[in-house]
Structure formats: structure tokens, C-alpha cells
């Protein structure tokens, strides 16, 4: 029988947080290729977009093995109620994924919300 090992992420190291005043401001800040859809995450009243650092370098691969991942940045804003789409007049549209069922992403959203005024 195959051995299954569950090893959850132990740490997320965020190198930069970019706070926006509203969901529309966050969406307008995204640089998208024409026709490319935007996908944002939502949990705990926070709308966010993480940009993970690729584990292609040996150092980051070793860190991943230790349960640490690195995000180059996370753009975020408060959005109290979940909605599956965000539209901006004469601008891009985004799909929003409710990630509340992910313990890790839910913890990230809580941390962003708790630290909103200090970031």
C-alpha cells in the first residue's frame, strides 16, 4: 500500500503587502493581457491576490521542503461580503473564489485583516 503523508504549510513569508481602498481599486491595479481573466481570492472579509515566488531556485526548494513558502507580494482590500464577480466600468472583470475552506488561505486572510491598519 502507498504511504500518504500530509505535511501542511508551516509558514508563509510575504515580502510585500499592497493595500487598496476598495475591490475596484484592486482590480484596476492588475496588469492583464487582453482577454485574460483575473481571479482573486476571498475569505474572512478580505479580497486578495497572492503572487507566489517560484520554488525553482535550490534555496526555495529547500524552504518548501521545510514547510515554508514565499510570496513576492499580496495585493488586498477589505470586502465584507463574498461575491463571485467584480466588475469595473470600462475596465477588467474578475472572478472571485471563496477560499474559506482552505485553513491556510483563511489564516492569511485573517492576518491581513488584523494587520490592515499597520500595513
Protein backbone atom coordinates (compact mmCIF):
# COMPACT_ATOMS: atom_id res chain seq x y z
CA UNK A 1 0.00 0.00 0.00
CA UNK A 2 1.17 3.55 -0.74
CA UNK A 3 2.10 5.68 2.25
CA UNK A 4 0.33 9.03 2.27
CA UNK A 5 1.98 11.85 4.20
CA UNK A 6 0.13 15.07 4.92
CA UNK A 7 2.54 17.89 5.63
CA UNK A 8 0.75 21.26 5.74
CA UNK A 9 2.45 24.57 5.12
CA UNK A 10 4.11 25.82 8.30
CA UNK A 11 4.92 29.39 7.25
CA UNK A 12 4.09 31.86 4.52
CA UNK A 13 6.65 34.61 4.14
CA UNK A 14 5.20 37.68 2.41
CA UNK A 15 7.80 40.05 1.01
CA UNK A 16 5.40 42.92 0.20
CA UNK A 17 1.79 43.78 1.07
CA UNK A 18 -0.09 46.17 -1.19
CA UNK A 19 -3.26 47.54 0.40
CA UNK A 20 -6.09 49.02 -1.67
CA UNK A 21 -9.08 51.10 -0.58
CA UNK A 22 -11.68 49.07 -2.50
CA UNK A 23 -12.20 45.95 -4.61
CA UNK A 24 -12.49 48.08 -7.76
CA UNK A 25 -9.17 49.82 -6.99
CA UNK A 26 -7.50 46.44 -6.51
CA UNK A 27 -8.95 45.15 -9.78
CA UNK A 28 -7.90 48.26 -11.71
CA UNK A 29 -4.33 47.84 -10.45
CA UNK A 30 -3.94 44.47 -12.13
CA UNK A 31 -1.99 44.34 -15.36
CA UNK A 32 -3.78 41.84 -17.55
CA UNK A 33 -3.22 40.78 -21.12
CA UNK A 34 -6.26 41.49 -23.31
CA UNK A 35 -8.89 38.83 -22.74
CA UNK A 36 -7.04 37.38 -19.75
CA UNK A 37 -9.42 36.93 -16.81
CA UNK A 38 -8.46 37.99 -13.32
CA UNK A 39 -9.03 35.56 -10.47
CA UNK A 40 -8.99 36.83 -6.89
CA UNK A 41 -9.38 35.03 -3.56
CA UNK A 42 -11.82 35.88 -0.77
CA UNK A 43 -12.02 34.74 2.87
CA UNK A 44 -12.78 36.34 6.24
CA UNK A 45 -13.92 39.60 4.65
CA UNK A 46 -10.70 40.07 2.68
CA UNK A 47 -10.23 40.07 -1.09
CA UNK A 48 -6.65 39.22 -2.03
CA UNK A 49 -4.26 38.15 -4.75
CA UNK A 50 -1.02 36.42 -3.76
CA UNK A 51 1.96 36.26 -6.09
CA UNK A 52 3.99 33.20 -5.12
CA UNK A 53 7.72 33.04 -5.67
CA UNK A 54 8.67 30.11 -7.88
CA UNK A 55 10.48 27.35 -5.98
CA UNK A 56 12.77 26.81 -8.98
CA UNK A 57 15.86 28.04 -7.15
CA UNK A 58 17.53 25.49 -4.87
CA UNK A 59 17.14 27.68 -1.76
CA UNK A 60 13.38 28.00 -2.23
CA UNK A 61 13.00 24.30 -2.99
CA UNK A 62 14.72 23.56 0.33
CA UNK A 63 12.47 26.07 2.11
CA UNK A 64 9.39 24.41 0.60
CA UNK A 65 10.60 21.06 1.93
CA UNK A 66 10.68 22.69 5.39
CA UNK A 67 7.07 23.84 5.02
CA UNK A 68 7.86 27.46 4.14
CA UNK A 69 6.57 29.22 1.06
CA UNK A 70 7.38 32.71 -0.14
CA UNK A 71 5.05 35.21 -1.74
CA UNK A 72 6.65 38.06 -3.65
CA UNK A 73 3.60 40.14 -2.83
CA UNK A 74 -0.03 40.03 -1.83
CA UNK A 75 -2.46 42.72 -3.01
CA UNK A 76 -5.54 43.03 -0.85
CA UNK A 77 -8.52 45.03 0.31
CA UNK A 78 -11.44 44.57 2.66
CA UNK A 79 -14.67 43.21 1.16
CA UNK A 80 -17.14 42.22 3.85
CA UNK A 81 -19.49 40.09 1.74
CA UNK A 82 -18.46 37.43 -0.74
CA UNK A 83 -19.46 37.96 -4.35
CA UNK A 84 -18.40 35.72 -7.20
CA UNK A 85 -17.60 38.53 -9.67
CA UNK A 86 -16.26 42.05 -9.54
CA UNK A 87 -16.91 44.42 -12.41
CA UNK A 88 -15.32 47.78 -13.07
CA UNK A 89 -16.91 50.18 -15.53
CA UNK A 90 -14.76 50.36 -18.67
CA UNK A 91 -12.27 48.04 -17.04
CA UNK A 92 -11.46 44.44 -16.30
CA UNK A 93 -13.69 41.87 -14.68
CA UNK A 94 -12.61 39.38 -12.04
CA UNK A 95 -13.88 36.07 -10.82
CA UNK A 96 -13.66 35.65 -7.07
CA UNK A 97 -13.03 32.28 -5.45
CA UNK A 98 -14.23 31.74 -1.89
CA UNK A 99 -11.22 30.04 -0.27
CA UNK A 100 -12.73 29.91 3.21
CA UNK A 101 -12.46 26.12 3.19
CA UNK A 102 -8.64 26.34 2.98
CA UNK A 103 -7.23 26.62 6.51
CA UNK A 104 -4.03 28.18 5.15
CA UNK A 105 -5.67 30.84 2.98
CA UNK A 106 -8.23 31.55 5.69
CA UNK A 107 -5.35 32.22 8.12
CA UNK A 108 -3.72 34.55 5.56
CA UNK A 109 -6.98 36.50 5.20
CA UNK A 110 -7.35 36.78 8.99
CA UNK A 111 -3.77 38.04 9.29
CA UNK A 112 -4.28 40.63 6.53
CA UNK A 113 -7.49 41.84 8.17
CA UNK A 114 -5.94 42.04 11.65
CA UNK A 115 -2.92 43.95 10.31
CA UNK A 116 -4.80 46.10 7.77
CA UNK A 117 -4.12 49.41 9.54
CA UNK A 118 -0.43 48.61 10.07
CA UNK A 119 0.45 47.61 6.53
